Protein backbone atom coordinates (compact mmCIF):
# COMPACT_ATOMS: atom_id res chain seq x y z
CA MET A 1 -1.16 -59.55 8.63
CA LYS A 2 -1.11 -56.40 11.20
CA SER A 3 1.99 -55.61 13.19
CA SER A 4 2.56 -56.00 16.79
CA LYS A 5 2.06 -52.08 17.03
CA ASP A 6 -1.55 -52.35 16.01
CA ARG A 7 -2.21 -54.91 18.66
CA GLU A 8 -0.64 -52.74 21.35
CA ARG A 9 -3.24 -49.97 20.41
CA LEU A 10 -5.91 -52.26 20.86
CA LEU A 11 -4.81 -53.30 24.15
CA ARG A 12 -4.33 -49.68 25.14
CA ILE A 13 -7.81 -49.14 24.34
CA ILE A 14 -9.01 -52.12 26.34
CA SER A 15 -6.82 -51.00 29.37
CA THR A 16 -8.34 -47.37 29.17
CA CYS A 17 -11.99 -48.86 29.24
CA VAL A 18 -11.22 -51.04 32.08
CA ALA A 19 -9.50 -48.37 34.12
CA ILE A 20 -12.65 -46.04 33.72
CA GLU A 21 -14.96 -49.01 34.52
CA ARG A 22 -13.16 -49.87 37.65
CA LYS A 23 -12.33 -46.51 39.16
CA GLY A 24 -15.57 -44.67 38.02
CA GLY A 25 -13.97 -42.20 35.77
CA ASN A 26 -15.42 -40.03 33.29
CA PRO A 27 -16.73 -42.37 30.47
CA PHE A 28 -16.33 -39.55 27.98
CA GLU A 29 -12.58 -39.58 28.15
CA VAL A 30 -12.69 -42.57 25.77
CA GLU A 31 -13.13 -41.37 22.12
CA VAL A 32 -15.51 -43.91 21.33
CA LYS A 33 -15.74 -42.77 17.35
CA GLU A 34 -12.09 -43.05 16.90
CA ALA A 35 -11.72 -46.39 18.54
CA LEU A 36 -14.48 -47.85 16.15
CA GLU A 37 -12.85 -46.34 13.20
CA THR A 38 -9.78 -48.27 14.26
CA LEU A 39 -11.57 -51.61 14.60
CA ARG A 40 -12.90 -50.88 11.30
CA LYS A 41 -9.74 -50.30 9.64
CA TYR A 42 -7.96 -53.18 11.29
CA LEU A 43 -10.62 -55.94 10.70
CA PRO A 44 -10.18 -56.70 7.13
CA HIS A 45 -6.41 -57.57 7.63
CA TRP A 46 -6.88 -59.98 10.72
CA SER A 47 -6.06 -63.62 10.05
CA ALA A 48 -5.07 -65.24 13.06
CA LEU A 49 -7.73 -66.40 15.68
CA GLU A 50 -5.97 -64.43 18.64
CA ASP A 51 -6.49 -61.26 16.36
CA PHE A 52 -10.25 -61.83 15.95
CA ALA A 53 -10.42 -62.47 19.85
CA LEU A 54 -8.58 -59.17 20.58
CA ASP A 55 -11.06 -57.31 18.01
CA ALA A 56 -14.07 -58.82 19.84
CA ALA A 57 -12.60 -58.03 23.35
CA THR A 58 -11.85 -54.40 22.30
CA LEU A 59 -15.49 -53.97 20.75
CA ASN A 60 -16.91 -55.41 23.98
CA ARG A 61 -15.11 -52.85 26.15
CA ILE A 62 -16.09 -50.20 23.83
CA SER A 63 -19.70 -51.07 24.11
CA SER A 64 -19.31 -51.11 27.83
CA ILE A 65 -18.37 -47.48 28.00
CA VAL A 66 -21.09 -46.37 25.57
CA SER A 67 -23.43 -47.71 28.26
CA LEU A 68 -21.75 -45.90 30.97
CA GLN A 69 -21.89 -42.96 28.96
CA GLY A 70 -25.76 -43.15 28.62
CA ASN A 71 -25.86 -43.79 32.52
CA TRP A 72 -23.69 -40.88 33.10
CA ILE A 73 -25.97 -38.49 31.11
CA LYS A 74 -29.11 -39.86 32.73
CA HIS A 75 -27.85 -39.34 36.20
CA ARG A 76 -26.55 -35.70 35.61
CA SER A 77 -29.87 -34.83 34.00
CA THR A 78 -31.93 -36.21 36.80
CA THR A 79 -30.03 -34.72 39.57
CA LEU A 80 -29.93 -31.21 37.89
CA PHE A 81 -26.15 -31.61 37.67
CA VAL A 82 -24.33 -28.32 36.84
CA ASP A 83 -20.41 -28.26 36.00
CA PRO A 84 -18.62 -26.62 38.73
CA LEU A 85 -16.56 -24.50 36.27
CA LEU A 86 -19.94 -23.06 34.71
CA ILE A 87 -21.10 -22.17 38.34
CA GLU A 88 -17.56 -20.39 39.16
CA LEU A 89 -18.11 -18.53 35.75
CA LYS A 90 -21.61 -17.30 36.73
CA VAL A 91 -20.57 -16.30 40.20
CA LYS A 92 -17.86 -14.09 38.57
CA MET A 93 -19.97 -12.52 36.22
CA LEU A 94 -22.57 -11.44 38.88
CA GLU A 95 -22.59 -7.90 40.31
CA PRO A 96 -21.67 -7.56 44.01
CA GLU A 97 -25.51 -6.43 44.69
CA LYS A 98 -26.77 -9.50 43.03
CA LEU A 99 -24.51 -12.00 44.94
CA LEU A 100 -25.35 -10.24 48.10
CA GLU A 101 -29.14 -10.54 47.41
CA ILE A 102 -28.79 -14.22 46.58
CA PHE A 103 -26.86 -14.66 49.78
CA ARG A 104 -29.39 -13.11 51.96
CA ARG A 105 -32.25 -15.22 50.44
CA THR A 106 -30.43 -18.41 50.92
CA TRP A 107 -28.41 -17.91 54.19
CA HIS A 108 -30.15 -19.93 56.88
CA PRO A 109 -28.11 -19.28 60.32
CA VAL A 110 -28.31 -22.17 62.71
CA ILE A 111 -30.08 -21.15 65.86
CA GLU A 112 -31.09 -23.17 69.02
CA MET A 113 -34.84 -23.43 68.49
CA ASP A 114 -35.49 -24.85 71.87
CA ARG A 115 -34.41 -21.55 73.54
CA LEU A 116 -36.29 -19.36 71.06
CA SER A 117 -39.65 -18.17 71.77
CA ASN A 118 -42.18 -15.58 70.13
CA LYS A 119 -41.38 -13.11 72.79
CA ARG A 120 -37.53 -13.21 72.36
CA VAL A 121 -38.08 -12.86 68.68
CA LEU A 122 -40.33 -9.69 69.02
CA GLU A 123 -37.70 -8.22 71.53
CA ALA A 124 -34.92 -8.66 69.04
CA ILE A 125 -36.91 -7.21 66.45
CA ASP A 126 -37.62 -4.19 68.41
CA TYR A 127 -34.06 -3.76 69.53
CA TRP A 128 -32.68 -3.92 65.92
CA ASN A 129 -35.55 -1.41 64.60
CA GLN A 130 -34.55 0.94 67.43
CA LEU A 131 -30.83 1.11 66.48
CA GLN A 132 -29.61 3.92 64.43
CA SER A 133 -27.59 3.17 61.19
CA LEU A 134 -24.08 2.99 61.57
CA GLU A 135 -23.48 5.76 59.58
CA ASP A 136 -25.36 7.94 61.93
CA ARG A 137 -23.82 6.63 64.87
CA LEU A 138 -20.25 7.45 63.37
CA MET A 139 -21.25 11.08 62.47
CA LYS A 140 -22.01 11.64 66.10
CA LEU A 141 -18.26 10.65 67.18
CA PRO A 142 -16.29 13.65 67.78
CA GLU A 143 -13.10 13.68 65.54
CA PRO A 144 -10.18 13.54 68.14
CA THR A 145 -7.65 16.49 67.54
CA GLY A 146 -5.07 15.05 69.84
CA VAL A 147 -4.42 13.04 72.87
CA LEU A 148 -4.91 15.74 75.36
CA ASP A 149 -8.59 15.84 74.27
CA LEU A 150 -9.26 12.74 75.98
CA THR A 151 -11.73 13.10 78.97
CA SER A 152 -11.00 9.75 80.34
CA ILE A 153 -7.34 10.69 80.93
CA GLU A 154 -8.59 12.97 84.02
CA GLU A 155 -10.34 9.58 85.19
CA LEU A 156 -7.24 7.92 84.90
CA ILE A 157 -5.15 10.24 87.02
CA LYS A 158 -7.73 10.57 89.71
CA ALA A 159 -7.83 6.67 89.87
CA ARG A 160 -4.01 6.87 90.23
CA ILE A 161 -3.94 4.47 87.06
CA VAL A 162 -1.37 7.11 85.69
CA ASN A 163 0.50 9.76 87.37
CA GLU A 164 0.51 13.46 87.16
CA GLU A 165 2.99 13.56 84.04
CA SER A 166 1.64 14.69 80.91
CA PHE A 167 -0.26 11.94 79.21
CA THR A 168 1.15 12.94 75.90
CA GLY A 169 4.65 12.86 77.26
CA LEU A 170 4.11 9.39 78.66
CA LEU A 171 2.98 8.17 75.44
CA GLN A 172 5.66 9.53 73.49
CA LYS A 173 8.32 7.61 76.28
CA PHE A 174 6.22 4.42 75.54
CA TRP A 175 6.35 5.07 71.96
CA LEU A 176 10.36 5.47 72.04
CA GLU A 177 10.29 2.23 74.14
CA LEU A 178 8.57 0.16 71.69
CA LYS A 179 10.89 1.35 68.96
CA GLU A 180 13.91 0.54 71.07
CA LYS A 181 12.57 -2.92 71.72
CA VAL A 182 11.79 -3.76 68.23
CA ALA A 183 15.12 -2.21 66.94
CA GLY A 184 15.95 -3.81 63.50
CA GLU A 185 13.26 -7.00 64.11
CA GLY A 186 10.36 -4.78 62.59
CA ARG A 187 7.80 -6.01 65.12
CA ILE A 188 7.58 -7.45 68.60
CA HIS A 189 5.07 -9.80 70.03
CA TYR A 190 2.13 -8.19 71.76
CA TRP A 191 2.91 -10.20 75.14
CA ASP A 192 6.42 -9.50 75.28
CA PHE A 193 5.95 -5.87 75.07
CA ILE A 194 3.04 -5.53 77.54
CA TYR A 195 4.40 -7.85 80.20
CA ALA A 196 5.51 -6.40 83.46
CA PRO A 197 6.70 -7.91 86.63
CA SER A 198 3.23 -7.14 88.20
CA TYR A 199 -0.36 -7.60 87.11
CA GLU A 200 -1.40 -4.03 87.67
CA GLU A 201 1.69 -2.72 85.53
CA THR A 202 0.92 -5.16 82.74
CA VAL A 203 -2.68 -3.90 82.64
CA VAL A 204 -1.65 -0.23 82.38
CA ARG A 205 1.01 -1.07 79.74
CA ALA A 206 -1.69 -2.82 77.48
CA TYR A 207 -3.67 0.29 78.16
CA LEU A 208 -1.01 2.60 76.95
CA THR A 209 -0.49 0.25 74.11
CA SER A 210 -4.15 0.61 72.91
CA PHE A 211 -3.33 4.29 72.76
CA LEU A 212 -0.20 3.89 70.51
CA VAL A 213 -2.39 1.86 68.03
CA THR A 214 -5.41 4.10 68.11
CA TYR A 215 -3.45 7.26 67.59
CA GLY A 216 -1.16 6.08 64.77
CA PHE A 217 1.93 5.55 66.70
CA ALA A 218 2.08 1.90 65.79
CA THR A 219 0.19 -1.04 64.12
CA MET A 220 -1.15 -4.21 65.29
CA GLU A 221 -0.63 -7.25 63.03
CA ILE A 222 -2.64 -10.11 63.69
CA GLU A 223 -2.03 -13.78 62.52
CA PRO A 224 -5.46 -15.57 62.94
CA ILE A 225 -3.96 -19.18 61.92
CA GLU A 226 -1.27 -19.02 64.68
CA GLU A 227 -3.51 -16.83 66.82
CA GLU A 228 -0.60 -14.41 67.55
CA THR A 229 -0.61 -10.53 67.75
CA PHE A 230 2.31 -8.32 66.97
CA LEU A 231 3.17 -4.68 67.46
CA VAL A 232 4.74 -2.64 64.49
CA PRO A 233 6.04 0.85 65.63
CA HIS A 234 5.99 3.73 63.10
CA MET A 235 8.98 5.97 62.74
CA GLU A 236 6.70 8.98 62.82
CA PRO A 237 2.96 9.13 64.10
CA ARG A 238 0.42 8.66 61.18
CA GLU A 239 -2.56 11.00 60.73
CA LEU A 240 -5.71 8.77 60.99
CA SER A 241 -8.84 9.03 59.02
CA PHE A 242 -11.75 9.10 61.13
CA THR A 243 -14.13 9.27 58.33
CA GLU A 244 -13.75 5.48 57.87
CA GLN A 245 -14.90 2.72 59.93
CA MET A 246 -12.38 1.77 62.55
CA ILE A 247 -11.94 -1.86 63.62
CA SER A 248 -11.83 -2.57 67.34
CA PHE A 249 -9.89 -5.68 68.47
CA PRO A 250 -10.37 -6.76 72.05
CA ILE A 251 -7.69 -8.60 74.05
CA SER A 252 -8.50 -10.09 77.45
CA ILE A 253 -5.87 -9.82 80.12
CA ASP A 254 -6.95 -11.49 83.16
CA TYR A 255 -5.09 -12.34 86.22
CA ASP A 256 -4.77 -16.15 85.34
CA LEU A 257 -3.21 -15.32 82.11
CA TRP A 258 -0.76 -13.01 83.36
CA LYS A 259 0.34 -15.50 86.13
CA GLU A 260 0.97 -18.19 83.46
CA MET A 261 2.91 -15.72 81.60
CA ALA A 262 5.07 -14.96 84.61
CA GLU A 263 5.74 -18.42 85.39
CA GLY A 264 6.65 -19.03 82.10
CA ARG A 265 9.52 -16.39 82.41
């Protein structure tokens, strides 16, 4: 007569099969061959009617799993199923150029078809064809040698946006103010730094801040998830490489936004 541990083993096989049938799991998690070998080994030793019933119940559940395995293979073969791990491995093995080409051929951006016409498509094609390459456009940009070389500063002085004081000196003072406000914190929120009691002064401070970032006096840190922007001053101005493509990050400062900031203070 077999022991209770042997009966428990068959009950575990039944339990596993039932769980996969009900939850729709992977039927290949059941080792069918091993389960049948267990039944073959136990069968000659059964004597009680309940043991034969347990043996039959186990065989019935194993048969159901075999059927599920057949359906599983048939379904995946007809739907051209590919294992996700296999896809990940193939993507990692692709060269960047090949991956880019695949993306270009399969990318279909969503557009408003009801607002698209043949004329507009032709106009768009002509526009892009007439554009110079980005490399050519960057080559035509003069490399700045200093803040005083900016021709737009004269226009700012004429428009009385800044006074007659040397713009370089003004920028140096603004940089020292940024370092003083940051102190040991490491960075300061962009809006906390540029805010001023008047809207006009706030705009000027935002403009000067753009020069601090452009000419290496500070770095702008952007946290896209929180949608927050911070300024990090440098202890010494950094030399920028204008041979690399620079990124422009526009920040809108309208009157309503400034008014909302003023009311919150």
